[in-house]
Amino acid sequence: MSRPSSTPAVRVSAYAAGQKQAWDEFVDRSKNGLFLFRRDYMEYHADRFTDSSLTFADDEGRLIALLPASVKDGVVTSHAGLTFGGVVCDQTMKAALMLELFDALGDHLKRGGATKLVYKAVPHIYHRLPAEEDLYALFRKGARLFRRDISTTIDARERLPFSKGRRWSIKQAQKAKLVVERSHDFRAFMAMEEALLAAKYDVRPTHTGAEMEMLAARFPEEIKLFVSRRDGELLAGVVVYEYGRVAHAQYISATDEGKKTGAPDLILDFLINDYYAGARYFDFGISTERGGRYLNAGLIENKQGFGGRAVVHDFYEWELGGD
């Protein structure tokens, strides 16, 4: 049984700038924290999101958890500017303590005037240790699963072969004598990505070229760009976010000529079978739109052709009017 909210075992506080070092150090030693949750990443777009991040401590003042969060119009989201971001905790977090944490969290958010928490759970493949105590707590609080995106992931322990189409495309790129190399020209790559998205979907990428260049400078070991060229011409590129045991393809883009010659497939073959051969997972990202209600069949089929299969990204709504 959880303790009464009047005598919480968990103390909730708003994050303050002076806690940056303690915050980052906790993320680094947590069982489900990612470099996305370090303050230098979270705050690159601070002008677009109102930070509402929280820290959680026990009765002795020991930091036990963090919640990257933003707020808008009374709705707290974990975090609106990140792909996902739930309660970040270390190996000492257990189920009963998480229930107490959610009791304290709900009380804190309601006192602050929040009406709802939108919770973007961290998919299990990104956990260094099992860390789904939060999902159980959400269930206990009556939170509603309202969105589910589908990503495509290769598990290195159970590799599936590339499809016939993917193998053919890679051979075409090899015959064309395309080369794959690491690049630091994020602006040129993002310009290619912007042109592709504008022409195909009339949208813009999440990051600008300047933002990607800045983030890669802040996190040079975690954010990397790999490109394919022919005679110096940029044909395709893949931006990878490294999360320890997961290598995630943040952006995959190619020119029309790059697609014809198999340039993106050549890069992915190199990444999967060589550069990230030691990673537990290679993740291609989601293939859903409209809040998960539409599946881009062509896009996911291409990713599945590399041997990837489904991992879901779940989103919950916790109405804070009462439990």
C-alpha atoms as a PDB file:
ATOM      1  CA  MET A   1       0.000   0.000   0.000  1.00  0.00           C
ATOM      2  CA  SER A   2       1.299   3.479  -0.881  1.00  0.00           C
ATOM      3  CA  ARG A   3       1.891   5.931   1.938  1.00  0.00           C
ATOM      4  CA  PRO A   4      -0.668   8.729   2.381  1.00  0.00           C
ATOM      5  CA  SER A   5       0.102  11.698   0.142  1.00  0.00           C
ATOM      6  CA  SER A   6       0.355  13.922   3.245  1.00  0.00           C
ATOM      7  CA  THR A   7       3.507  12.053   4.316  1.00  0.00           C
ATOM      8  CA  PRO A   8       5.180  11.135   1.025  1.00  0.00           C
ATOM      9  CA  ALA A   9       8.263   8.955   0.917  1.00  0.00           C
ATOM     10  CA  VAL A  10       9.231  10.790  -2.254  1.00  0.00           C
ATOM     11  CA  ARG A  11       9.987  14.512  -2.417  1.00  0.00           C
ATOM     12  CA  VAL A  12       9.324  16.256  -5.735  1.00  0.00           C
ATOM     13  CA  SER A  13      11.103  19.454  -6.765  1.00  0.00           C
ATOM     14  CA  ALA A  14      11.282  21.560  -9.904  1.00  0.00           C
ATOM     15  CA  TYR A  15      14.619  21.288 -11.684  1.00  0.00           C
ATOM     16  CA  ALA A  16      16.899  24.305 -11.152  1.00  0.00           C
ATOM     17  CA  ALA A  17      19.850  25.332 -13.323  1.00  0.00           C
ATOM     18  CA  GLY A  18      22.254  24.803 -10.431  1.00  0.00           C
ATOM     19  CA  GLN A  19      21.426  21.082 -10.519  1.00  0.00           C
ATOM     20  CA  LYS A  20      22.783  20.559 -14.040  1.00  0.00           C
ATOM     21  CA  GLN A  21      25.821  18.503 -13.001  1.00  0.00           C
ATOM     22  CA  ALA A  22      23.846  16.313 -10.595  1.00  0.00           C
ATOM     23  CA  TRP A  23      21.138  15.844 -13.249  1.00  0.00           C
ATOM     24  CA  ASP A  24      23.604  14.809 -15.972  1.00  0.00           C
ATOM     25  CA  GLU A  25      25.519  12.489 -13.658  1.00  0.00           C
ATOM     26  CA  PHE A  26      22.291  10.749 -12.657  1.00  0.00           C
ATOM     27  CA  VAL A  27      21.302  10.314 -16.319  1.00  0.00           C
ATOM     28  CA  ASP A  28      24.683   8.717 -17.024  1.00  0.00           C
ATOM     29  CA  ARG A  29      24.374   6.158 -14.213  1.00  0.00           C
ATOM     30  CA  SER A  30      20.650   5.456 -14.636  1.00  0.00           C
ATOM     31  CA  LYS A  31      19.185   2.245 -16.018  1.00  0.00           C
ATOM     32  CA  ASN A  32      17.108   3.959 -18.704  1.00  0.00           C
ATOM     33  CA  GLY A  33      18.712   7.354 -19.297  1.00  0.00           C
ATOM     34  CA  LEU A  34      19.955   8.535 -22.690  1.00  0.00           C
ATOM     35  CA  PHE A  35      22.109  11.440 -23.795  1.00  0.00           C
ATOM     36  CA  LEU A  36      18.860  13.037 -25.020  1.00  0.00           C
ATOM     37  CA  PHE A  37      18.098  13.687 -21.361  1.00  0.00           C
ATOM     38  CA  ARG A  38      21.325  15.515 -20.608  1.00  0.00           C
ATOM     39  CA  ARG A  39      20.687  19.206 -20.141  1.00  0.00           C
ATOM     40  CA  ASP A  40      22.895  20.314 -23.055  1.00  0.00           C
ATOM     41  CA  TYR A  41      20.638  18.358 -25.404  1.00  0.00           C
ATOM     42  CA  MET A  42      17.312  19.151 -23.780  1.00  0.00           C
ATOM     43  CA  GLU A  43      17.966  22.867 -23.707  1.00  0.00           C
ATOM     44  CA  TYR A  44      19.074  23.420 -27.306  1.00  0.00           C
ATOM     45  CA  HIS A  45      15.474  24.400 -28.113  1.00  0.00           C
ATOM     46  CA  ALA A  46      14.611  25.995 -24.769  1.00  0.00           C
ATOM     47  CA  ASP A  47      13.126  28.960 -26.639  1.00  0.00           C
ATOM     48  CA  ARG A  48      10.389  26.687 -28.049  1.00  0.00           C
ATOM     49  CA  PHE A  49       9.445  24.716 -24.932  1.00  0.00           C
ATOM     50  CA  THR A  50       8.771  25.784 -21.352  1.00  0.00           C
ATOM     51  CA  ASP A  51      10.799  23.452 -19.176  1.00  0.00           C
ATOM     52  CA  SER A  52       8.921  21.743 -16.369  1.00  0.00           C
ATOM     53  CA  SER A  53      11.457  19.050 -15.473  1.00  0.00           C
ATOM     54  CA  LEU A  54      11.314  17.495 -12.011  1.00  0.00           C
ATOM     55  CA  THR A  55      13.682  15.772  -9.605  1.00  0.00           C
ATOM     56  CA  PHE A  56      12.692  13.158  -7.028  1.00  0.00           C
ATOM     57  CA  ALA A  57      14.466  12.510  -3.743  1.00  0.00           C
ATOM     58  CA  ASP A  58      13.896  10.114  -0.860  1.00  0.00           C
ATOM     59  CA  ASP A  59      13.408  11.068   2.796  1.00  0.00           C
ATOM     60  CA  GLU A  60      17.161  11.392   3.216  1.00  0.00           C
ATOM     61  CA  GLY A  61      17.504  13.763   0.276  1.00  0.00           C
ATOM     62  CA  ARG A  62      19.101  11.195  -2.050  1.00  0.00           C
ATOM     63  CA  LEU A  63      18.267  11.698  -5.729  1.00  0.00           C
ATOM     64  CA  ILE A  64      16.253   8.681  -6.912  1.00  0.00           C
ATOM     65  CA  ALA A  65      14.698   9.787 -10.218  1.00  0.00           C
ATOM     66  CA  LEU A  66      14.283  12.551 -12.812  1.00  0.00           C
ATOM     67  CA  LEU A  67      11.495  13.514 -15.186  1.00  0.00           C
ATOM     68  CA  PRO A  68      12.434  15.500 -18.306  1.00  0.00           C
ATOM     69  CA  ALA A  69       9.301  17.535 -18.985  1.00  0.00           C
ATOM     70  CA  SER A  70       7.795  20.604 -20.593  1.00  0.00           C
ATOM     71  CA  VAL A  71       4.455  22.342 -20.006  1.00  0.00           C
ATOM     72  CA  LYS A  72       1.947  24.159 -22.188  1.00  0.00           C
ATOM     73  CA  ASP A  73      -1.569  25.287 -21.294  1.00  0.00           C
ATOM     74  CA  GLY A  74      -1.671  23.151 -18.168  1.00  0.00           C
ATOM     75  CA  VAL A  75      -0.536  19.978 -19.937  1.00  0.00           C
ATOM     76  CA  VAL A  76       2.804  18.549 -18.806  1.00  0.00           C
ATOM     77  CA  THR A  77       4.588  16.368 -21.369  1.00  0.00           C
ATOM     78  CA  SER A  78       7.619  14.167 -20.893  1.00  0.00           C
ATOM     79  CA  HIS A  79       9.086  15.928 -23.006  1.00  0.00           C
ATOM     80  CA  ALA A  80       7.388  17.702 -25.943  1.00  0.00           C
ATOM     81  CA  GLY A  81      10.754  18.461 -27.556  1.00  0.00           C
ATOM     82  CA  LEU A  82      12.114  14.906 -27.313  1.00  0.00           C
ATOM     83  CA  THR A  83      11.257  11.650 -29.046  1.00  0.00           C
ATOM     84  CA  PHE A  84      10.394  10.147 -25.678  1.00  0.00           C
ATOM     85  CA  GLY A  85      11.216  10.676 -22.019  1.00  0.00           C
ATOM     86  CA  GLY A  86       9.637   9.157 -18.941  1.00  0.00           C
ATOM     87  CA  VAL A  87      10.866   8.750 -15.377  1.00  0.00           C
ATOM     88  CA  VAL A  88      14.648   8.270 -15.446  1.00  0.00           C
ATOM     89  CA  CYS A  89      15.751   6.048 -12.557  1.00  0.00           C
ATOM     90  CA  ASP A  90      18.703   3.984 -11.385  1.00  0.00           C
ATOM     91  CA  GLN A  91      19.003   0.341 -10.363  1.00  0.00           C
ATOM     92  CA  THR A  92      17.627   1.035  -6.882  1.00  0.00           C
ATOM     93  CA  MET A  93      14.167   1.823  -8.308  1.00  0.00           C
ATOM     94  CA  LYS A  94      11.644  -0.905  -7.525  1.00  0.00           C
ATOM     95  CA  ALA A  95       7.914  -1.249  -8.141  1.00  0.00           C
ATOM     96  CA  ALA A  96       6.642  -0.106  -4.728  1.00  0.00           C
ATOM     97  CA  LEU A  97       8.865   2.973  -4.755  1.00  0.00           C
ATOM     98  CA  MET A  98       7.661   3.877  -8.262  1.00  0.00           C
ATOM     99  CA  LEU A  99       4.057   3.762  -7.035  1.00  0.00           C
ATOM    100  CA  GLU A 100       4.984   6.178  -4.256  1.00  0.00           C
ATOM    101  CA  LEU A 101       6.786   8.355  -6.774  1.00  0.00           C
ATOM    102  CA  PHE A 102       3.659   8.570  -8.927  1.00  0.00           C
ATOM    103  CA  ASP A 103       1.553   9.438  -5.864  1.00  0.00           C
ATOM    104  CA  ALA A 104       3.912  12.324  -5.142  1.00  0.00           C
ATOM    105  CA  LEU A 105       4.113  13.290  -8.819  1.00  0.00           C
ATOM    106  CA  GLY A 106       0.343  13.510  -9.172  1.00  0.00           C
ATOM    107  CA  ASP A 107       0.019  15.643  -6.043  1.00  0.00           C
ATOM    108  CA  HIS A 108       2.811  17.962  -7.194  1.00  0.00           C
ATOM    109  CA  LEU A 109       1.392  18.433 -10.695  1.00  0.00           C
ATOM    110  CA  LYS A 110      -2.127  19.144  -9.414  1.00  0.00           C
ATOM    111  CA  ARG A 111      -0.843  21.670  -6.888  1.00  0.00           C
ATOM    112  CA  GLY A 112       0.933  23.412  -9.754  1.00  0.00           C
ATOM    113  CA  GLY A 113      -2.268  23.668 -11.772  1.00  0.00           C
ATOM    114  CA  ALA A 114      -1.585  20.914 -14.320  1.00  0.00           C
ATOM    115  CA  THR A 115      -4.617  19.103 -15.692  1.00  0.00           C
ATOM    116  CA  LYS A 116      -2.925  16.289 -17.581  1.00  0.00           C
ATOM    117  CA  LEU A 117       0.375  14.435 -17.965  1.00  0.00           C
ATOM    118  CA  VAL A 118       1.288  13.176 -21.437  1.00  0.00           C
ATOM    119  CA  TYR A 119       3.810  10.414 -20.872  1.00  0.00           C
ATOM    120  CA  LYS A 120       6.087   9.309 -23.737  1.00  0.00           C
ATOM    121  CA  ALA A 121       7.510   6.031 -22.453  1.00  0.00           C
ATOM    122  CA  VAL A 122      11.097   5.079 -23.257  1.00  0.00           C
ATOM    123  CA  PRO A 123      10.950   1.872 -25.393  1.00  0.00           C
ATOM    124  CA  HIS A 124      12.408  -1.174 -23.679  1.00  0.00           C
ATOM    125  CA  ILE A 125      15.283  -1.619 -26.129  1.00  0.00           C
ATOM    126  CA  TYR A 126      16.827   1.578 -24.728  1.00  0.00           C
ATOM    127  CA  HIS A 127      16.906   0.246 -21.150  1.00  0.00           C
ATOM    128  CA  ARG A 128      20.222  -0.928 -19.747  1.00  0.00           C
ATOM    129  CA  LEU A 129      18.287  -2.862 -17.100  1.00  0.00           C
ATOM    130  CA  PRO A 130      14.551  -3.662 -17.009  1.00  0.00           C
ATOM    131  CA  ALA A 131      12.842  -0.363 -16.226  1.00  0.00           C
ATOM    132  CA  GLU A 132       9.103  -0.649 -16.774  1.00  0.00           C
ATOM    133  CA  GLU A 133       7.997   0.106 -13.236  1.00  0.00           C
ATOM    134  CA  ASP A 134       6.587   3.357 -14.651  1.00  0.00           C
ATOM    135  CA  LEU A 135       4.229   1.509 -17.001  1.00  0.00           C
ATOM    136  CA  TYR A 136       2.764  -0.389 -14.078  1.00  0.00           C
ATOM    137  CA  ALA A 137       2.354   2.847 -12.120  1.00  0.00           C
ATOM    138  CA  LEU A 138       0.569   4.453 -15.078  1.00  0.00           C
ATOM    139  CA  PHE A 139      -1.809   1.494 -15.195  1.00  0.00           C
ATOM    140  CA  ARG A 140      -2.498   1.837 -11.480  1.00  0.00           C
ATOM    141  CA  LYS A 141      -3.260   5.530 -11.990  1.00  0.00           C
ATOM    142  CA  GLY A 142      -5.727   4.809 -14.766  1.00  0.00           C
ATOM    143  CA  ALA A 143      -3.632   6.409 -17.486  1.00  0.00           C
ATOM    144  CA  ARG A 144      -4.874   5.787 -21.031  1.00  0.00           C
ATOM    145  CA  LEU A 145      -2.749   4.508 -23.920  1.00  0.00           C
ATOM    146  CA  PHE A 146      -3.738   6.973 -26.653  1.00  0.00           C
ATOM    147  CA  ARG A 147      -0.975   6.646 -29.218  1.00  0.00           C
ATOM    148  CA  ARG A 148       1.307   3.879 -30.402  1.00  0.00           C
ATOM    149  CA  ASP A 149       3.991   4.363 -33.060  1.00  0.00           C
ATOM    150  CA  ILE A 150       5.785   1.431 -34.649  1.00  0.00           C
ATOM    151  CA  SER A 151       9.536   1.414 -35.123  1.00  0.00           C
ATOM    152  CA  THR A 152      11.679  -1.167 -36.920  1.00  0.00           C
ATOM    153  CA  THR A 153      14.622  -2.688 -35.079  1.00  0.00           C
ATOM    154  CA  ILE A 154      17.301  -5.298 -35.784  1.00  0.00           C
ATOM    155  CA  ASP A 155      18.226  -7.509 -32.837  1.00  0.00           C
ATOM    156  CA  ALA A 156      21.857  -8.547 -33.308  1.00  0.00           C
ATOM    157  CA  ARG A 157      21.252 -11.741 -31.317  1.00  0.00           C
ATOM    158  CA  GLU A 158      18.668 -12.986 -33.812  1.00  0.00           C
ATOM    159  CA  ARG A 159      19.716 -11.587 -37.157  1.00  0.00           C
ATOM    160  CA  LEU A 160      17.408 -12.028 -40.121  1.00  0.00           C
ATOM    161  CA  PRO A 161      18.851 -11.898 -43.657  1.00  0.00           C
ATOM    162  CA  PHE A 162      18.493  -8.861 -45.877  1.00  0.00           C
ATOM    163  CA  SER A 163      15.723  -9.179 -48.458  1.00  0.00           C
ATOM    164  CA  LYS A 164      16.486  -9.930 -52.100  1.00  0.00           C
ATOM    165  CA  GLY A 165      15.668  -6.327 -53.027  1.00  0.00           C
ATOM    166  CA  ARG A 166      18.029  -4.860 -50.446  1.00  0.00           C
ATOM    167  CA  ARG A 167      20.874  -7.172 -51.492  1.00  0.00           C
ATOM    168  CA  TRP A 168      20.357  -6.221 -55.151  1.00  0.00           C
ATOM    169  CA  SER A 169      20.416  -2.513 -54.293  1.00  0.00           C
ATOM    170  CA  ILE A 170      23.664  -2.883 -52.330  1.00  0.00           C
ATOM    171  CA  LYS A 171      25.293  -4.711 -55.254  1.00  0.00           C
ATOM    172  CA  GLN A 172      24.250  -1.901 -57.611  1.00  0.00           C
ATOM    173  CA  ALA A 173      25.907   0.652 -55.336  1.00  0.00           C
ATOM    174  CA  GLN A 174      29.077  -1.419 -55.179  1.00  0.00           C
ATOM    175  CA  LYS A 175      29.156  -1.723 -58.984  1.00  0.00           C
ATOM    176  CA  ALA A 176      28.774   2.042 -59.244  1.00  0.00           C
ATOM    177  CA  LYS A 177      31.870   2.330 -57.021  1.00  0.00           C
ATOM    178  CA  LEU A 178      30.137   4.487 -54.437  1.00  0.00           C
ATOM    179  CA  VAL A 179      32.089   5.175 -51.269  1.00  0.00           C
ATOM    180  CA  VAL A 180      30.864   5.408 -47.679  1.00  0.00           C
ATOM    181  CA  GLU A 181      32.594   7.680 -45.204  1.00  0.00           C
ATOM    182  CA  ARG A 182      31.974   9.596 -42.026  1.00  0.00           C
ATOM    183  CA  SER A 183      31.282  13.290 -42.560  1.00  0.00           C
ATOM    184  CA  HIS A 184      30.933  16.371 -40.365  1.00  0.00           C
ATOM    185  CA  ASP A 185      29.057  18.439 -42.933  1.00  0.00           C
ATOM    186  CA  PHE A 186      25.669  18.312 -41.235  1.00  0.00           C
ATOM    187  CA  ARG A 187      24.486  21.454 -42.987  1.00  0.00           C
ATOM    188  CA  ALA A 188      24.884  19.912 -46.444  1.00  0.00           C
ATOM    189  CA  PHE A 189      23.112  16.736 -45.329  1.00  0.00           C
ATOM    190  CA  MET A 190      20.220  18.590 -43.711  1.00  0.00           C
ATOM    191  CA  ALA A 191      19.817  20.725 -46.837  1.00  0.00           C
ATOM    192  CA  MET A 192      19.352  17.486 -48.785  1.00  0.00           C
ATOM    193  CA  GLU A 193      16.884  16.227 -46.158  1.00  0.00           C
ATOM    194  CA  GLU A 194      14.932  19.488 -46.225  1.00  0.00           C
ATOM    195  CA  ALA A 195      14.627  19.339 -50.007  1.00  0.00           C
ATOM    196  CA  LEU A 196      13.436  15.732 -49.873  1.00  0.00           C
ATOM    197  CA  LEU A 197      10.783  16.333 -47.196  1.00  0.00           C
ATOM    198  CA  ALA A 198       9.547  19.530 -48.831  1.00  0.00           C
ATOM    199  CA  ALA A 199       9.096  17.835 -52.206  1.00  0.00           C
ATOM    200  CA  LYS A 200       7.556  14.612 -50.889  1.00  0.00           C
ATOM    201  CA  TYR A 201       5.565  15.625 -47.813  1.00  0.00           C
ATOM    202  CA  ASP A 202       5.585  19.456 -47.733  1.00  0.00           C
ATOM    203  CA  VAL A 203       7.096  19.377 -44.226  1.00  0.00           C
ATOM    204  CA  ARG A 204      10.392  20.342 -42.633  1.00  0.00           C
ATOM    205  CA  PRO A 205      12.739  18.126 -40.600  1.00  0.00           C
ATOM    206  CA  THR A 206      12.733  18.406 -36.820  1.00  0.00           C
ATOM    207  CA  HIS A 207      16.241  19.908 -36.790  1.00  0.00           C
ATOM    208  CA  THR A 208      17.827  22.596 -38.930  1.00  0.00           C
ATOM    209  CA  GLY A 209      21.316  22.174 -40.333  1.00  0.00           C
ATOM    210  CA  ALA A 210      22.668  24.647 -37.787  1.00  0.00           C
ATOM    211  CA  GLU A 211      20.999  22.758 -34.923  1.00  0.00           C
ATOM    212  CA  MET A 212      22.383  19.418 -36.025  1.00  0.00           C
ATOM    213  CA  GLU A 213      25.841  20.924 -36.400  1.00  0.00           C
ATOM    214  CA  MET A 214      25.609  22.380 -32.899  1.00  0.00           C
ATOM    215  CA  LEU A 215      24.297  19.175 -31.304  1.00  0.00           C
ATOM    216  CA  ALA A 216      26.967  17.073 -33.009  1.00  0.00           C
ATOM    217  CA  ALA A 217      29.613  19.440 -31.648  1.00  0.00           C
ATOM    218  CA  ARG A 218      28.182  19.013 -28.143  1.00  0.00           C
ATOM    219  CA  PHE A 219      27.902  15.236 -28.480  1.00  0.00           C
ATOM    220  CA  PRO A 220      30.588  14.140 -30.980  1.00  0.00           C
ATOM    221  CA  GLU A 221      30.668  10.545 -29.724  1.00  0.00           C
ATOM    222  CA  GLU A 222      26.893  10.152 -29.759  1.00  0.00           C
ATOM    223  CA  ILE A 223      25.813  11.934 -32.974  1.00  0.00           C
ATOM    224  CA  LYS A 224      27.491  10.866 -36.206  1.00  0.00           C
ATOM    225  CA  LEU A 225      26.886  11.386 -39.907  1.00  0.00           C
ATOM    226  CA  PHE A 226      27.751   8.816 -42.573  1.00  0.00           C
ATOM    227  CA  VAL A 227      27.464   9.660 -46.261  1.00  0.00           C
ATOM    228  CA  SER A 228      27.828   8.046 -49.658  1.00  0.00           C
ATOM    229  CA  ARG A 229      29.466   9.932 -52.519  1.00  0.00           C
ATOM    230  CA  ARG A 230      30.429   9.457 -56.134  1.00  0.00           C
ATOM    231  CA  ASP A 231      33.176  11.666 -57.502  1.00  0.00           C
ATOM    232  CA  GLY A 232      32.657  13.931 -54.494  1.00  0.00           C
ATOM    233  CA  GLU A 233      28.923  14.341 -55.087  1.00  0.00           C
ATOM    234  CA  LEU A 234      26.733  13.774 -52.010  1.00  0.00           C
ATOM    235  CA  LEU A 235      24.193  11.078 -52.854  1.00  0.00           C
ATOM    236  CA  ALA A 236      22.899   9.899 -49.486  1.00  0.00           C
ATOM    237  CA  GLY A 237      23.453  10.147 -45.757  1.00  0.00           C
ATOM    238  CA  VAL A 238      22.436   8.650 -42.429  1.00  0.00           C
ATOM    239  CA  VAL A 239      22.592  10.504 -39.105  1.00  0.00           C
ATOM    240  CA  VAL A 240      23.056   8.040 -36.250  1.00  0.00           C
ATOM    241  CA  TYR A 241      22.346   8.658 -32.578  1.00  0.00           C
ATOM    242  CA  GLU A 242      24.382   6.255 -30.443  1.00  0.00           C
ATOM    243  CA  TYR A 243      22.660   5.130 -27.238  1.00  0.00           C
ATOM    244  CA  GLY A 244      25.085   2.576 -25.866  1.00  0.00           C
ATOM    245  CA  ARG A 245      23.596  -0.713 -26.918  1.00  0.00           C
ATOM    246  CA  VAL A 246      21.303   0.908 -29.517  1.00  0.00           C
ATOM    247  CA  ALA A 247      22.380   2.603 -32.739  1.00  0.00           C
ATOM    248  CA  HIS A 248      19.435   4.657 -33.978  1.00  0.00           C
ATOM    249  CA  ALA A 249      19.115   6.037 -37.509  1.00  0.00           C
ATOM    250  CA  GLN A 250      17.807   9.531 -36.733  1.00  0.00           C
ATOM    251  CA  TYR A 251      17.752  10.630 -40.375  1.00  0.00           C
ATOM    252  CA  ILE A 252      18.063   8.676 -43.624  1.00  0.00           C
ATOM    253  CA  SER A 253      18.058  10.721 -46.813  1.00  0.00           C
ATOM    254  CA  ALA A 254      19.148  10.518 -50.437  1.00  0.00           C
ATOM    255  CA  THR A 255      18.957  12.422 -53.700  1.00  0.00           C
ATOM    256  CA  ASP A 256      17.047  10.930 -56.629  1.00  0.00           C
ATOM    257  CA  GLU A 257      20.348   9.777 -58.103  1.00  0.00           C
ATOM    258  CA  GLY A 258      21.346   8.338 -54.757  1.00  0.00           C
ATOM    259  CA  LYS A 259      18.172   6.264 -54.618  1.00  0.00           C
ATOM    260  CA  LYS A 260      18.713   4.987 -58.157  1.00  0.00           C
ATOM    261  CA  THR A 261      22.240   3.856 -57.381  1.00  0.00           C
ATOM    262  CA  GLY A 262      21.442   2.285 -53.978  1.00  0.00           C
ATOM    263  CA  ALA A 263      23.490   4.789 -51.997  1.00  0.00           C
ATOM    264  CA  PRO A 264      21.407   4.730 -48.759  1.00  0.00           C
ATOM    265  CA  ASP A 265      21.343   0.928 -48.756  1.00  0.00           C
ATOM    266  CA  LEU A 266      25.119   0.839 -49.088  1.00  0.00           C
ATOM    267  CA  ILE A 267      25.482   3.102 -46.036  1.00  0.00           C
ATOM    268  CA  LEU A 268      23.047   1.014 -43.988  1.00  0.00           C
ATOM    269  CA  ASP A 269      24.805  -2.210 -44.958  1.00  0.00           C
ATOM    270  CA  PHE A 270      28.086  -0.718 -43.717  1.00  0.00           C
ATOM    271  CA  LEU A 271      26.533   0.520 -40.489  1.00  0.00           C
ATOM    272  CA  ILE A 272      24.675  -2.691 -39.650  1.00  0.00           C
ATOM    273  CA  ASN A 273      27.343  -5.197 -40.636  1.00  0.00           C
ATOM    274  CA  ASP A 274      30.528  -3.270 -39.883  1.00  0.00           C
ATOM    275  CA  TYR A 275      30.481  -0.037 -37.898  1.00  0.00           C
ATOM    276  CA  TYR A 276      27.755  -1.080 -35.452  1.00  0.00           C
ATOM    277  CA  ALA A 277      28.239  -4.823 -35.647  1.00  0.00           C
ATOM    278  CA  GLY A 278      28.823  -4.880 -31.887  1.00  0.00           C
ATOM    279  CA  ALA A 279      25.620  -3.031 -30.967  1.00  0.00           C
ATOM    280  CA  ARG A 280      22.745  -4.997 -29.452  1.00  0.00           C
ATOM    281  CA  TYR A 281      20.158  -3.220 -31.604  1.00  0.00           C
ATOM    282  CA  PHE A 282      20.063  -1.171 -34.785  1.00  0.00           C
ATOM    283  CA  ASP A 283      16.896   0.906 -34.804  1.00  0.00           C
ATOM    284  CA  PHE A 284      15.444   2.545 -37.932  1.00  0.00           C
ATOM    285  CA  GLY A 285      12.822   4.693 -36.201  1.00  0.00           C
ATOM    286  CA  ILE A 286       9.081   4.939 -36.710  1.00  0.00           C
ATOM    287  CA  SER A 287       7.063   4.509 -39.907  1.00  0.00           C
ATOM    288  CA  THR A 288       3.761   5.856 -38.587  1.00  0.00           C
ATOM    289  CA  GLU A 289       2.015   9.187 -39.010  1.00  0.00           C
ATOM    290  CA  ARG A 290      -1.100  10.923 -37.657  1.00  0.00           C
ATOM    291  CA  GLY A 291      -0.459   9.935 -34.068  1.00  0.00           C
ATOM    292  CA  GLY A 292       0.194   6.307 -34.995  1.00  0.00           C
ATOM    293  CA  ARG A 293      -3.068   5.870 -36.902  1.00  0.00           C
ATOM    294  CA  TYR A 294      -1.451   5.658 -40.340  1.00  0.00           C
ATOM    295  CA  LEU A 295       1.231   3.153 -41.317  1.00  0.00           C
ATOM    296  CA  ASN A 296       3.533   4.155 -44.170  1.00  0.00           C
ATOM    297  CA  ALA A 297       3.622   0.689 -45.708  1.00  0.00           C
ATOM    298  CA  GLY A 298       6.331   1.436 -48.246  1.00  0.00           C
ATOM    299  CA  LEU A 299       8.647   2.975 -45.670  1.00  0.00           C
ATOM    300  CA  ILE A 300       8.318   0.156 -43.153  1.00  0.00           C
ATOM    301  CA  GLU A 301       8.695  -2.486 -45.868  1.00  0.00           C
ATOM    302  CA  ASN A 302      12.015  -0.932 -46.852  1.00  0.00           C
ATOM    303  CA  LYS A 303      13.241  -1.053 -43.244  1.00  0.00           C
ATOM    304  CA  GLN A 304      11.985  -4.600 -42.738  1.00  0.00           C
ATOM    305  CA  GLY A 305      14.005  -5.549 -45.795  1.00  0.00           C
ATOM    306  CA  PHE A 306      17.139  -5.155 -43.651  1.00  0.00           C
ATOM    307  CA  GLY A 307      15.823  -7.728 -41.198  1.00  0.00           C
ATOM    308  CA  GLY A 308      14.159  -5.345 -38.759  1.00  0.00           C
ATOM    309  CA  ARG A 309      10.953  -6.102 -36.891  1.00  0.00           C
ATOM    310  CA  ALA A 310       8.547  -4.135 -34.708  1.00  0.00           C
ATOM    311  CA  VAL A 311       9.175  -2.231 -31.485  1.00  0.00           C
ATOM    312  CA  VAL A 312       6.418   0.121 -30.321  1.00  0.00           C
ATOM    313  CA  HIS A 313       6.661   3.618 -28.879  1.00  0.00           C
ATOM    314  CA  ASP A 314       3.781   4.170 -26.439  1.00  0.00           C
ATOM    315  CA  PHE A 315       2.148   7.421 -25.307  1.00  0.00           C
ATOM    316  CA  TYR A 316      -0.127   7.709 -22.279  1.00  0.00           C
ATOM    317  CA  GLU A 317      -2.509  10.361 -20.967  1.00  0.00           C
ATOM    318  CA  TRP A 318      -2.979  10.697 -17.219  1.00  0.00           C
ATOM    319  CA  GLU A 319      -5.880  12.966 -16.365  1.00  0.00           C
ATOM    320  CA  LEU A 320      -5.074  14.645 -13.077  1.00  0.00           C
ATOM    321  CA  GLY A 321      -8.584  15.466 -11.898  1.00  0.00           C
ATOM    322  CA  GLY A 322      -8.547  12.502  -9.543  1.00  0.00           C
ATOM    323  CA  ASP A 323      -7.324   8.948  -9.147  1.00  0.00           C
END
